[in-house]
Amino acid sequence: MSIMVRSPVDGVSDVVVVSVVPASEVVVVEVVSVVVVVVVVVVVVVVVGVLSSIVTVIVSSALYAT
């Protein structure tokens, strides 16, 4: 993989950043990012479910109290 970085200043030669990264590490990074997204989605769903159940309990207890 080689990444070309264009310099915004005129007269300065382009900077070529050559990174030697094995394909396995790239795949690992992609898998880790996917796992992180899945974990975040699961946590959000669980938190929303718990909050909705708490709100339901509070509302039902308030209705029973009246």
C-alpha atoms as a PDB file:
ATOM      1  CA  MET A   1       0.000   0.000   0.000  1.00  0.00           C
ATOM      2  CA  SER A   2       1.343   3.416  -0.891  1.00  0.00           C
ATOM      3  CA  ILE A   3      -0.440   6.579   0.182  1.00  0.00           C
ATOM      4  CA  MET A   4       0.054   9.757  -1.844  1.00  0.00           C
ATOM      5  CA  VAL A   5      -0.107  12.938   0.205  1.00  0.00           C
ATOM      6  CA  ARG A   6      -0.496  16.136  -1.824  1.00  0.00           C
ATOM      7  CA  SER A   7       1.218  19.147  -0.338  1.00  0.00           C
ATOM      8  CA  PRO A   8      -0.930  22.288  -0.319  1.00  0.00           C
ATOM      9  CA  VAL A   9       2.169  24.494  -0.810  1.00  0.00           C
ATOM     10  CA  ASP A  10       3.291  25.095  -4.396  1.00  0.00           C
ATOM     11  CA  GLY A  11       6.851  24.178  -5.235  1.00  0.00           C
ATOM     12  CA  VAL A  12       7.027  21.481  -2.581  1.00  0.00           C
ATOM     13  CA  SER A  13       7.392  18.037  -4.053  1.00  0.00           C
ATOM     14  CA  ASP A  14       4.707  15.486  -3.322  1.00  0.00           C
ATOM     15  CA  VAL A  15       5.300  13.352  -0.274  1.00  0.00           C
ATOM     16  CA  VAL A  16       5.002   9.633  -0.892  1.00  0.00           C
ATOM     17  CA  VAL A  17       4.252   7.639   2.222  1.00  0.00           C
ATOM     18  CA  VAL A  18       4.972   3.960   1.686  1.00  0.00           C
ATOM     19  CA  SER A  19       3.655   1.744   4.431  1.00  0.00           C
ATOM     20  CA  VAL A  20       4.535  -1.930   4.368  1.00  0.00           C
ATOM     21  CA  VAL A  21       1.553  -3.563   6.034  1.00  0.00           C
ATOM     22  CA  PRO A  22       0.783  -7.252   5.549  1.00  0.00           C
ATOM     23  CA  ALA A  23      -2.687  -8.038   4.281  1.00  0.00           C
ATOM     24  CA  SER A  24      -3.387 -10.079   7.411  1.00  0.00           C
ATOM     25  CA  GLU A  25      -3.008  -7.009   9.617  1.00  0.00           C
ATOM     26  CA  VAL A  26      -5.363  -5.046   7.376  1.00  0.00           C
ATOM     27  CA  VAL A  27      -7.924  -7.843   7.646  1.00  0.00           C
ATOM     28  CA  VAL A  28      -7.472  -7.927  11.422  1.00  0.00           C
ATOM     29  CA  VAL A  29      -8.076  -4.174  11.613  1.00  0.00           C
ATOM     30  CA  GLU A  30     -11.234  -4.507   9.513  1.00  0.00           C
ATOM     31  CA  VAL A  31     -12.493  -7.411  11.647  1.00  0.00           C
ATOM     32  CA  VAL A  32     -11.773  -5.492  14.850  1.00  0.00           C
ATOM     33  CA  SER A  33     -13.653  -2.440  13.559  1.00  0.00           C
ATOM     34  CA  VAL A  34     -16.641  -4.606  12.608  1.00  0.00           C
ATOM     35  CA  VAL A  35     -16.603  -6.271  16.038  1.00  0.00           C
ATOM     36  CA  VAL A  36     -16.476  -2.869  17.738  1.00  0.00           C
ATOM     37  CA  VAL A  37     -19.476  -1.658  15.726  1.00  0.00           C
ATOM     38  CA  VAL A  38     -21.432  -4.814  16.576  1.00  0.00           C
ATOM     39  CA  VAL A  39     -20.604  -4.482  20.288  1.00  0.00           C
ATOM     40  CA  VAL A  40     -21.670  -0.826  20.305  1.00  0.00           C
ATOM     41  CA  VAL A  41     -24.976  -1.681  18.613  1.00  0.00           C
ATOM     42  CA  VAL A  42     -25.646  -4.500  21.093  1.00  0.00           C
ATOM     43  CA  VAL A  43     -24.852  -2.245  24.059  1.00  0.00           C
ATOM     44  CA  VAL A  44     -27.153   0.489  22.741  1.00  0.00           C
ATOM     45  CA  VAL A  45     -29.983  -2.010  22.215  1.00  0.00           C
ATOM     46  CA  VAL A  46     -29.546  -3.438  25.723  1.00  0.00           C
ATOM     47  CA  VAL A  47     -29.428   0.022  27.318  1.00  0.00           C
ATOM     48  CA  VAL A  48     -32.544   1.138  25.440  1.00  0.00           C
ATOM     49  CA  GLY A  49     -34.342  -2.047  26.487  1.00  0.00           C
ATOM     50  CA  VAL A  50     -33.398  -1.604  30.138  1.00  0.00           C
ATOM     51  CA  LEU A  51     -34.388   2.060  30.114  1.00  0.00           C
ATOM     52  CA  SER A  52     -37.726   1.311  28.474  1.00  0.00           C
ATOM     53  CA  SER A  53     -38.449  -1.420  31.030  1.00  0.00           C
ATOM     54  CA  ILE A  54     -37.552   0.952  33.879  1.00  0.00           C
ATOM     55  CA  VAL A  55     -39.812   3.642  32.425  1.00  0.00           C
ATOM     56  CA  THR A  56     -42.609   1.090  32.055  1.00  0.00           C
ATOM     57  CA  VAL A  57     -42.240   0.023  35.690  1.00  0.00           C
ATOM     58  CA  ILE A  58     -42.244   3.646  36.871  1.00  0.00           C
ATOM     59  CA  VAL A  59     -45.299   4.529  34.784  1.00  0.00           C
ATOM     60  CA  SER A  60     -47.212   1.437  35.860  1.00  0.00           C
ATOM     61  CA  SER A  61     -46.383   2.011  39.533  1.00  0.00           C
ATOM     62  CA  ALA A  62     -47.461   5.646  39.201  1.00  0.00           C
ATOM     63  CA  LEU A  63     -50.731   4.536  37.602  1.00  0.00           C
ATOM     64  CA  TYR A  64     -51.308   1.996  40.358  1.00  0.00           C
ATOM     65  CA  ALA A  65     -50.504   4.613  43.003  1.00  0.00           C
ATOM     66  CA  THR A  66     -53.239   6.936  41.846  1.00  0.00           C
END
